[in-house]
Amino acid sequence: METIQRCHECGAEVQEGQTCQENFYQMLGWESEQPANWEVHHLTVLCYHLQHPSLYSPEGLSAGFTLLTDFLERGTTPTEVRKQRGAQVDSGARTWKIKGTPESHGVYDPPVVWSMTTNQVIAAGIDNYCDSVRAWASSILISLKTSGHIPPQ
């Protein structure tokens, strides 16, 4: 009997050769193969990191919550975010780290139960990529609100 392996961060089923990181690299590849897929790049990177919070520092994770809310609920574009917050996140001016380290990284307490992961984005295929990433992002926002990590507005 084969045991199901799970990603230690997001809980997604992990099959040999199909880890979350491999799925993420596949998505980035799809963005390169079909330039129209680039339009959701900001969501792809953000969603992957939000579901794998150790990639972020605690402050970076909190900033990610704000970005996801801005993108999905306020309709803010990546260009607008760069204009509005460029000085705040400039590495020369910022007093906090975005990237997590073994000593200081993001974590969910209580844990988040995700209704969609990279597996579903990959399973939907390259032709449905943009719609799948948008659905993934929406599912993450709902899961973060349901778990209390993003307060309802």
N, C-alpha and C. Protein backbone atom coordinates (compact mmCIF):
# COMPACT_ATOMS: atom_id res chain seq x y z
N MET A 1 0.84 -1.19 0.00
CA MET A 1 0.00 0.00 0.00
C MET A 1 0.88 1.25 0.00
N GLU A 2 0.60 2.16 -0.90
CA GLU A 2 1.38 3.38 -1.03
C GLU A 2 0.83 4.43 -0.06
N THR A 3 1.72 5.05 0.70
CA THR A 3 1.28 6.11 1.60
C THR A 3 1.32 7.44 0.85
N ILE A 4 0.39 8.28 1.18
CA ILE A 4 0.32 9.60 0.55
C ILE A 4 1.28 10.53 1.27
N GLN A 5 2.14 11.14 0.50
CA GLN A 5 3.06 12.14 1.04
C GLN A 5 2.40 13.50 0.91
N ARG A 6 2.69 14.38 1.86
CA ARG A 6 2.12 15.72 1.84
C ARG A 6 3.23 16.76 2.00
N CYS A 7 3.03 17.90 1.37
CA CYS A 7 3.94 19.03 1.55
C CYS A 7 3.86 19.45 3.02
N HIS A 8 5.00 19.61 3.65
CA HIS A 8 5.00 19.95 5.08
C HIS A 8 4.48 21.37 5.35
N GLU A 9 4.38 22.21 4.32
CA GLU A 9 3.89 23.57 4.56
C GLU A 9 2.44 23.77 4.15
N CYS A 10 2.09 23.34 2.94
CA CYS A 10 0.72 23.63 2.48
C CYS A 10 -0.21 22.42 2.60
N GLY A 11 0.34 21.25 2.81
CA GLY A 11 -0.48 20.07 2.96
C GLY A 11 -0.90 19.40 1.68
N ALA A 12 -0.46 19.92 0.53
CA ALA A 12 -0.84 19.33 -0.76
C ALA A 12 -0.24 17.93 -0.88
N GLU A 13 -0.97 17.06 -1.57
CA GLU A 13 -0.42 15.74 -1.86
C GLU A 13 0.80 15.92 -2.74
N VAL A 14 1.85 15.20 -2.41
CA VAL A 14 3.10 15.28 -3.14
C VAL A 14 3.38 13.91 -3.73
N GLN A 15 3.49 13.88 -5.04
CA GLN A 15 3.84 12.64 -5.72
C GLN A 15 5.27 12.76 -6.20
N GLU A 16 5.89 11.62 -6.41
CA GLU A 16 7.28 11.63 -6.85
C GLU A 16 7.43 12.49 -8.10
N GLY A 17 8.34 13.44 -8.03
CA GLY A 17 8.59 14.31 -9.17
C GLY A 17 7.58 15.43 -9.34
N GLN A 18 6.67 15.57 -8.40
CA GLN A 18 5.65 16.62 -8.52
C GLN A 18 5.49 17.33 -7.18
N THR A 19 6.54 17.94 -6.72
CA THR A 19 6.47 18.69 -5.49
C THR A 19 5.86 20.06 -5.77
N CYS A 20 5.50 20.77 -4.74
CA CYS A 20 4.98 22.13 -4.92
C CYS A 20 6.01 23.01 -5.64
N GLN A 21 7.27 22.84 -5.29
CA GLN A 21 8.30 23.65 -5.93
C GLN A 21 8.40 23.31 -7.42
N GLU A 22 8.32 22.04 -7.78
CA GLU A 22 8.33 21.66 -9.19
C GLU A 22 7.11 22.24 -9.91
N ASN A 23 5.96 22.22 -9.26
CA ASN A 23 4.76 22.83 -9.85
C ASN A 23 4.96 24.32 -10.07
N PHE A 24 5.55 24.99 -9.09
CA PHE A 24 5.82 26.42 -9.20
C PHE A 24 6.73 26.70 -10.40
N TYR A 25 7.78 25.91 -10.54
CA TYR A 25 8.68 26.09 -11.69
C TYR A 25 7.95 25.83 -13.01
N GLN A 26 7.04 24.86 -13.01
CA GLN A 26 6.26 24.59 -14.21
C GLN A 26 5.39 25.80 -14.57
N MET A 27 4.77 26.41 -13.55
CA MET A 27 3.95 27.59 -13.80
C MET A 27 4.78 28.73 -14.37
N LEU A 28 5.97 28.94 -13.81
CA LEU A 28 6.85 29.99 -14.34
C LEU A 28 7.24 29.68 -15.78
N GLY A 29 7.44 28.41 -16.07
CA GLY A 29 7.73 28.00 -17.45
C GLY A 29 6.57 28.32 -18.38
N TRP A 30 5.35 28.06 -17.93
CA TRP A 30 4.17 28.36 -18.75
C TRP A 30 4.07 29.86 -19.02
N GLU A 31 4.50 30.67 -18.06
CA GLU A 31 4.47 32.12 -18.27
C GLU A 31 5.48 32.52 -19.36
N SER A 32 6.59 31.82 -19.41
CA SER A 32 7.59 32.09 -20.46
C SER A 32 7.14 31.58 -21.82
N GLU A 33 6.51 30.41 -21.83
CA GLU A 33 6.07 29.79 -23.09
C GLU A 33 4.94 30.58 -23.75
N GLN A 34 4.03 31.08 -22.95
CA GLN A 34 2.90 31.84 -23.48
C GLN A 34 2.87 33.20 -22.78
N PRO A 35 3.40 34.22 -23.42
CA PRO A 35 3.50 35.53 -22.79
C PRO A 35 2.20 36.08 -22.20
N ALA A 36 1.05 35.68 -22.74
CA ALA A 36 -0.23 36.14 -22.17
C ALA A 36 -0.39 35.66 -20.72
N ASN A 37 0.26 34.56 -20.38
CA ASN A 37 0.18 34.04 -19.01
C ASN A 37 0.92 34.92 -18.00
N TRP A 38 1.77 35.79 -18.51
CA TRP A 38 2.54 36.69 -17.63
C TRP A 38 1.62 37.62 -16.84
N GLU A 39 0.41 37.85 -17.34
CA GLU A 39 -0.49 38.80 -16.68
C GLU A 39 -0.85 38.39 -15.25
N VAL A 40 -0.66 37.14 -14.88
CA VAL A 40 -0.97 36.71 -13.50
C VAL A 40 0.30 36.37 -12.71
N HIS A 41 1.46 36.74 -13.24
CA HIS A 41 2.73 36.41 -12.57
C HIS A 41 2.75 36.89 -11.12
N HIS A 42 2.28 38.11 -10.89
CA HIS A 42 2.28 38.66 -9.53
C HIS A 42 1.47 37.77 -8.58
N LEU A 43 0.38 37.19 -9.06
CA LEU A 43 -0.43 36.31 -8.22
C LEU A 43 0.25 34.95 -8.05
N THR A 44 0.88 34.45 -9.09
CA THR A 44 1.56 33.15 -9.00
C THR A 44 2.61 33.16 -7.90
N VAL A 45 3.48 34.14 -7.94
CA VAL A 45 4.57 34.21 -6.97
C VAL A 45 4.01 34.46 -5.57
N LEU A 46 3.09 35.38 -5.44
CA LEU A 46 2.50 35.70 -4.14
C LEU A 46 1.78 34.48 -3.56
N CYS A 47 0.97 33.81 -4.35
CA CYS A 47 0.21 32.66 -3.84
C CYS A 47 1.13 31.52 -3.42
N TYR A 48 2.13 31.24 -4.22
CA TYR A 48 3.07 30.18 -3.84
C TYR A 48 3.73 30.49 -2.50
N HIS A 49 4.17 31.72 -2.34
CA HIS A 49 4.82 32.11 -1.08
C HIS A 49 3.85 32.12 0.09
N LEU A 50 2.63 32.57 -0.13
CA LEU A 50 1.65 32.56 0.97
C LEU A 50 1.33 31.14 1.43
N GLN A 51 1.32 30.19 0.52
CA GLN A 51 1.06 28.81 0.92
C GLN A 51 2.32 28.12 1.48
N HIS A 52 3.45 28.74 1.34
CA HIS A 52 4.71 28.21 1.87
C HIS A 52 5.36 29.33 2.70
N PRO A 53 4.75 29.64 3.86
CA PRO A 53 5.09 30.85 4.60
C PRO A 53 6.52 30.94 5.11
N SER A 54 7.23 29.83 5.19
CA SER A 54 8.62 29.92 5.66
C SER A 54 9.51 30.65 4.65
N LEU A 55 9.02 30.82 3.43
CA LEU A 55 9.77 31.59 2.44
C LEU A 55 9.77 33.07 2.77
N TYR A 56 8.81 33.49 3.57
CA TYR A 56 8.69 34.89 4.00
C TYR A 56 9.16 35.05 5.44
N SER A 57 9.63 36.25 5.76
CA SER A 57 9.81 36.63 7.16
C SER A 57 8.42 36.87 7.73
N PRO A 58 8.25 36.98 9.05
CA PRO A 58 6.94 37.33 9.58
C PRO A 58 6.39 38.63 8.99
N GLU A 59 7.27 39.63 8.81
CA GLU A 59 6.84 40.90 8.23
C GLU A 59 6.51 40.75 6.75
N GLY A 60 7.28 39.93 6.07
CA GLY A 60 7.02 39.66 4.65
C GLY A 60 5.68 38.96 4.46
N LEU A 61 5.35 38.04 5.36
CA LEU A 61 4.07 37.35 5.29
C LEU A 61 2.92 38.34 5.48
N SER A 62 3.07 39.22 6.44
CA SER A 62 2.05 40.24 6.67
C SER A 62 1.90 41.15 5.44
N ALA A 63 3.00 41.53 4.84
CA ALA A 63 2.96 42.35 3.62
C ALA A 63 2.26 41.58 2.50
N GLY A 64 2.47 40.27 2.44
CA GLY A 64 1.80 39.45 1.45
C GLY A 64 0.29 39.46 1.61
N PHE A 65 -0.18 39.45 2.85
CA PHE A 65 -1.63 39.53 3.10
C PHE A 65 -2.19 40.82 2.51
N THR A 66 -1.48 41.92 2.75
CA THR A 66 -1.91 43.22 2.23
C THR A 66 -1.94 43.21 0.71
N LEU A 67 -0.90 42.67 0.09
CA LEU A 67 -0.85 42.62 -1.37
C LEU A 67 -2.01 41.80 -1.94
N LEU A 68 -2.26 40.64 -1.37
CA LEU A 68 -3.33 39.79 -1.88
C LEU A 68 -4.67 40.52 -1.78
N THR A 69 -4.91 41.16 -0.67
CA THR A 69 -6.15 41.92 -0.48
C THR A 69 -6.22 43.07 -1.48
N ASP A 70 -5.13 43.78 -1.65
CA ASP A 70 -5.11 44.89 -2.60
C ASP A 70 -5.40 44.40 -4.02
N PHE A 71 -4.74 43.34 -4.43
CA PHE A 71 -4.94 42.82 -5.78
C PHE A 71 -6.37 42.34 -6.02
N LEU A 72 -6.90 41.57 -5.07
CA LEU A 72 -8.20 40.92 -5.31
C LEU A 72 -9.40 41.75 -4.90
N GLU A 73 -9.31 42.50 -3.83
CA GLU A 73 -10.48 43.25 -3.37
C GLU A 73 -10.49 44.70 -3.82
N ARG A 74 -9.33 45.26 -4.04
CA ARG A 74 -9.26 46.67 -4.44
C ARG A 74 -8.94 46.82 -5.92
N GLY A 75 -8.56 45.73 -6.57
CA GLY A 75 -8.23 45.79 -7.99
C GLY A 75 -6.94 46.53 -8.29
N THR A 76 -6.07 46.63 -7.29
CA THR A 76 -4.80 47.32 -7.47
C THR A 76 -3.92 46.51 -8.43
N THR A 77 -3.26 47.19 -9.34
CA THR A 77 -2.38 46.52 -10.28
C THR A 77 -0.95 46.48 -9.72
N PRO A 78 -0.12 45.58 -10.23
CA PRO A 78 1.29 45.56 -9.80
C PRO A 78 1.99 46.90 -10.04
N THR A 79 1.67 47.57 -11.13
CA THR A 79 2.26 48.88 -11.41
C THR A 79 1.86 49.90 -10.34
N GLU A 80 0.59 49.89 -9.96
CA GLU A 80 0.13 50.80 -8.91
C GLU A 80 0.81 50.49 -7.58
N VAL A 81 0.98 49.22 -7.27
CA VAL A 81 1.66 48.83 -6.02
C VAL A 81 3.09 49.36 -6.02
N ARG A 82 3.79 49.20 -7.14
CA ARG A 82 5.17 49.71 -7.22
C ARG A 82 5.22 51.22 -7.01
N LYS A 83 4.27 51.93 -7.59
CA LYS A 83 4.22 53.39 -7.42
C LYS A 83 3.89 53.77 -5.97
N GLN A 84 2.90 53.08 -5.38
CA GLN A 84 2.44 53.41 -4.03
C GLN A 84 3.44 53.01 -2.96
N ARG A 85 4.08 51.85 -3.14
CA ARG A 85 4.88 51.29 -2.05
C ARG A 85 6.35 51.10 -2.39
N GLY A 86 6.77 51.61 -3.52
CA GLY A 86 8.16 51.40 -3.94
C GLY A 86 9.17 51.80 -2.89
N ALA A 87 8.98 52.96 -2.28
CA ALA A 87 9.92 53.44 -1.27
C ALA A 87 9.87 52.59 0.00
N GLN A 88 8.68 52.06 0.34
CA GLN A 88 8.54 51.25 1.55
C GLN A 88 9.26 49.91 1.45
N VAL A 89 9.32 49.36 0.25
CA VAL A 89 9.93 48.04 0.10
C VAL A 89 11.32 48.08 -0.53
N ASP A 90 11.82 49.28 -0.81
CA ASP A 90 13.17 49.42 -1.35
C ASP A 90 14.16 48.79 -0.37
N SER A 91 14.99 47.89 -0.86
CA SER A 91 15.91 47.18 0.03
C SER A 91 16.89 48.11 0.74
N GLY A 92 17.16 49.27 0.16
CA GLY A 92 18.06 50.22 0.81
C GLY A 92 17.39 51.01 1.92
N ALA A 93 16.08 51.09 1.91
CA ALA A 93 15.35 51.88 2.91
C ALA A 93 14.57 51.02 3.90
N ARG A 94 14.21 49.82 3.49
CA ARG A 94 13.38 48.93 4.31
C ARG A 94 14.15 48.49 5.55
N THR A 95 13.47 48.48 6.69
CA THR A 95 14.10 48.05 7.95
C THR A 95 13.75 46.61 8.30
N TRP A 96 13.02 45.95 7.44
CA TRP A 96 12.63 44.55 7.68
C TRP A 96 12.97 43.71 6.46
N LYS A 97 13.09 42.42 6.68
CA LYS A 97 13.42 41.49 5.60
C LYS A 97 12.15 40.89 5.02
N ILE A 98 12.14 40.68 3.72
CA ILE A 98 11.02 40.02 3.07
C ILE A 98 11.18 38.51 3.18
N LYS A 99 12.38 38.05 2.93
CA LYS A 99 12.66 36.62 2.88
C LYS A 99 12.81 36.02 4.28
N GLY A 100 12.23 34.85 4.46
CA GLY A 100 12.36 34.14 5.72
C GLY A 100 13.74 33.52 5.86
N THR A 101 14.15 33.32 7.09
CA THR A 101 15.39 32.63 7.41
C THR A 101 15.04 31.49 8.37
N PRO A 102 15.94 30.56 8.59
CA PRO A 102 15.64 29.49 9.55
C PRO A 102 15.31 30.04 10.95
N GLU A 103 15.89 31.19 11.28
CA GLU A 103 15.66 31.78 12.60
C GLU A 103 14.39 32.62 12.68
N SER A 104 13.96 33.16 11.54
CA SER A 104 12.81 34.06 11.54
C SER A 104 12.05 33.91 10.23
N HIS A 105 10.95 33.19 10.31
CA HIS A 105 10.15 32.96 9.10
C HIS A 105 8.67 32.95 9.44
N GLY A 106 7.88 33.11 8.40
CA GLY A 106 6.44 33.10 8.58
C GLY A 106 5.92 31.72 8.93
N VAL A 107 4.84 31.71 9.68
CA VAL A 107 4.18 30.46 10.08
C VAL A 107 2.72 30.78 10.34
N TYR A 108 1.86 29.81 10.12
CA TYR A 108 0.44 30.00 10.39
C TYR A 108 0.07 29.28 11.68
N ASP A 109 -0.41 30.05 12.64
CA ASP A 109 -0.90 29.50 13.90
C ASP A 109 -2.21 30.20 14.22
N PRO A 110 -3.34 29.58 14.00
CA PRO A 110 -3.53 28.17 13.66
C PRO A 110 -3.22 27.90 12.18
N PRO A 111 -2.97 26.63 11.87
CA PRO A 111 -2.69 26.26 10.48
C PRO A 111 -3.87 26.61 9.56
N VAL A 112 -3.55 26.79 8.29
CA VAL A 112 -4.56 27.10 7.29
C VAL A 112 -4.87 25.84 6.50
N VAL A 113 -6.14 25.60 6.25
CA VAL A 113 -6.55 24.50 5.38
C VAL A 113 -6.84 25.13 4.02
N TRP A 114 -6.08 24.72 3.02
CA TRP A 114 -6.19 25.28 1.68
C TRP A 114 -7.14 24.45 0.85
N SER A 115 -8.05 25.09 0.14
CA SER A 115 -8.97 24.37 -0.73
C SER A 115 -8.39 24.17 -2.13
N MET A 116 -7.30 24.89 -2.44
CA MET A 116 -6.66 24.76 -3.75
C MET A 116 -5.17 24.98 -3.57
N THR A 117 -4.38 24.18 -4.28
CA THR A 117 -2.92 24.30 -4.22
C THR A 117 -2.35 24.28 -5.64
N THR A 118 -1.04 24.26 -5.73
CA THR A 118 -0.39 24.22 -7.04
C THR A 118 -0.84 23.00 -7.85
N ASN A 119 -1.18 21.92 -7.17
CA ASN A 119 -1.60 20.70 -7.89
C ASN A 119 -2.78 20.98 -8.82
N GLN A 120 -3.76 21.72 -8.34
CA GLN A 120 -4.95 21.99 -9.15
C GLN A 120 -4.64 22.95 -10.31
N VAL A 121 -3.74 23.89 -10.07
CA VAL A 121 -3.36 24.80 -11.15
C VAL A 121 -2.68 24.00 -12.27
N ILE A 122 -1.78 23.13 -11.91
CA ILE A 122 -1.08 22.30 -12.90
C ILE A 122 -2.05 21.36 -13.60
N ALA A 123 -2.95 20.74 -12.85
CA ALA A 123 -3.89 19.78 -13.44
C ALA A 123 -4.79 20.45 -14.48
N ALA A 124 -5.10 21.74 -14.30
CA ALA A 124 -5.97 22.45 -15.24
C ALA A 124 -5.25 22.76 -16.57
N GLY A 125 -3.92 22.71 -16.57
CA GLY A 125 -3.16 22.86 -17.81
C GLY A 125 -2.84 24.29 -18.20
N ILE A 126 -1.95 24.39 -19.16
CA ILE A 126 -1.46 25.69 -19.63
C ILE A 126 -2.56 26.54 -20.27
N ASP A 127 -3.51 25.90 -20.94
CA ASP A 127 -4.55 26.66 -21.64
C ASP A 127 -5.54 27.33 -20.68
N ASN A 128 -5.60 26.87 -19.46
CA ASN A 128 -6.49 27.44 -18.45
C ASN A 128 -5.72 28.17 -17.36
N TYR A 129 -4.45 28.43 -17.62
CA TYR A 129 -3.54 28.91 -16.59
C TYR A 129 -4.01 30.20 -15.89
N CYS A 130 -4.31 31.23 -16.63
CA CYS A 130 -4.68 32.51 -16.00
C CYS A 130 -5.92 32.36 -15.14
N ASP A 131 -6.95 31.68 -15.65
CA ASP A 131 -8.17 31.47 -14.85
C ASP A 131 -7.87 30.64 -13.61
N SER A 132 -7.02 29.63 -13.75
CA SER A 132 -6.68 28.78 -12.61
C SER A 132 -5.93 29.56 -11.53
N VAL A 133 -4.99 30.39 -11.95
CA VAL A 133 -4.23 31.19 -10.98
C VAL A 133 -5.15 32.17 -10.26
N ARG A 134 -6.07 32.79 -11.00
CA ARG A 134 -7.03 33.71 -10.35
C ARG A 134 -7.91 32.96 -9.35
N ALA A 135 -8.36 31.77 -9.71
CA ALA A 135 -9.17 30.96 -8.79
C ALA A 135 -8.35 30.56 -7.57
N TRP A 136 -7.10 30.20 -7.78
CA TRP A 136 -6.19 29.84 -6.70
C TRP A 136 -6.02 31.02 -5.74
N ALA A 137 -5.78 32.20 -6.29
CA ALA A 137 -5.62 33.40 -5.47
C ALA A 137 -6.88 33.68 -4.65
N SER A 138 -8.03 33.58 -5.27
CA SER A 138 -9.29 33.80 -4.55
C SER A 138 -9.48 32.78 -3.43
N SER A 139 -9.13 31.52 -3.71
CA SER A 139 -9.27 30.48 -2.69
C SER A 139 -8.33 30.74 -1.51
N ILE A 140 -7.15 31.27 -1.79
CA ILE A 140 -6.20 31.57 -0.71
C ILE A 140 -6.73 32.71 0.15
N LEU A 141 -7.27 33.74 -0.48
CA LEU A 141 -7.83 34.85 0.29
C LEU A 141 -8.96 34.35 1.20
N ILE A 142 -9.83 33.52 0.66
CA ILE A 142 -10.94 32.96 1.47
C ILE A 142 -10.39 32.13 2.62
N SER A 143 -9.41 31.28 2.34
CA SER A 143 -8.83 30.43 3.40
C SER A 143 -8.16 31.26 4.47
N LEU A 144 -7.45 32.31 4.09
CA LEU A 144 -6.79 33.17 5.07
C LEU A 144 -7.80 33.93 5.92
N LYS A 145 -8.91 34.34 5.34
CA LYS A 145 -9.95 35.01 6.10
C LYS A 145 -10.67 34.02 7.03
N THR A 146 -10.99 32.85 6.50
CA THR A 146 -11.69 31.83 7.29
C THR A 146 -10.86 31.42 8.50
N SER A 147 -9.54 31.34 8.33
CA SER A 147 -8.66 30.93 9.42
C SER A 147 -8.33 32.07 10.38
N GLY A 148 -8.76 33.28 10.05
CA GLY A 148 -8.53 34.43 10.93
C GLY A 148 -7.21 35.15 10.71
N HIS A 149 -6.45 34.76 9.71
CA HIS A 149 -5.16 35.42 9.47
C HIS A 149 -5.31 36.76 8.77
N ILE A 150 -6.37 36.91 7.99
CA ILE A 150 -6.73 38.20 7.41
C ILE A 150 -8.10 38.55 7.98
N PRO A 151 -8.20 39.64 8.72
CA PRO A 151 -9.49 40.00 9.29
C PRO A 151 -10.52 40.34 8.20
N PRO A 152 -11.77 39.93 8.40
CA PRO A 152 -12.81 40.31 7.43
C PRO A 152 -12.99 41.82 7.42
N GLN A 153 -13.35 42.34 6.24
CA GLN A 153 -13.51 43.80 6.16
C GLN A 153 -14.95 44.17 5.94
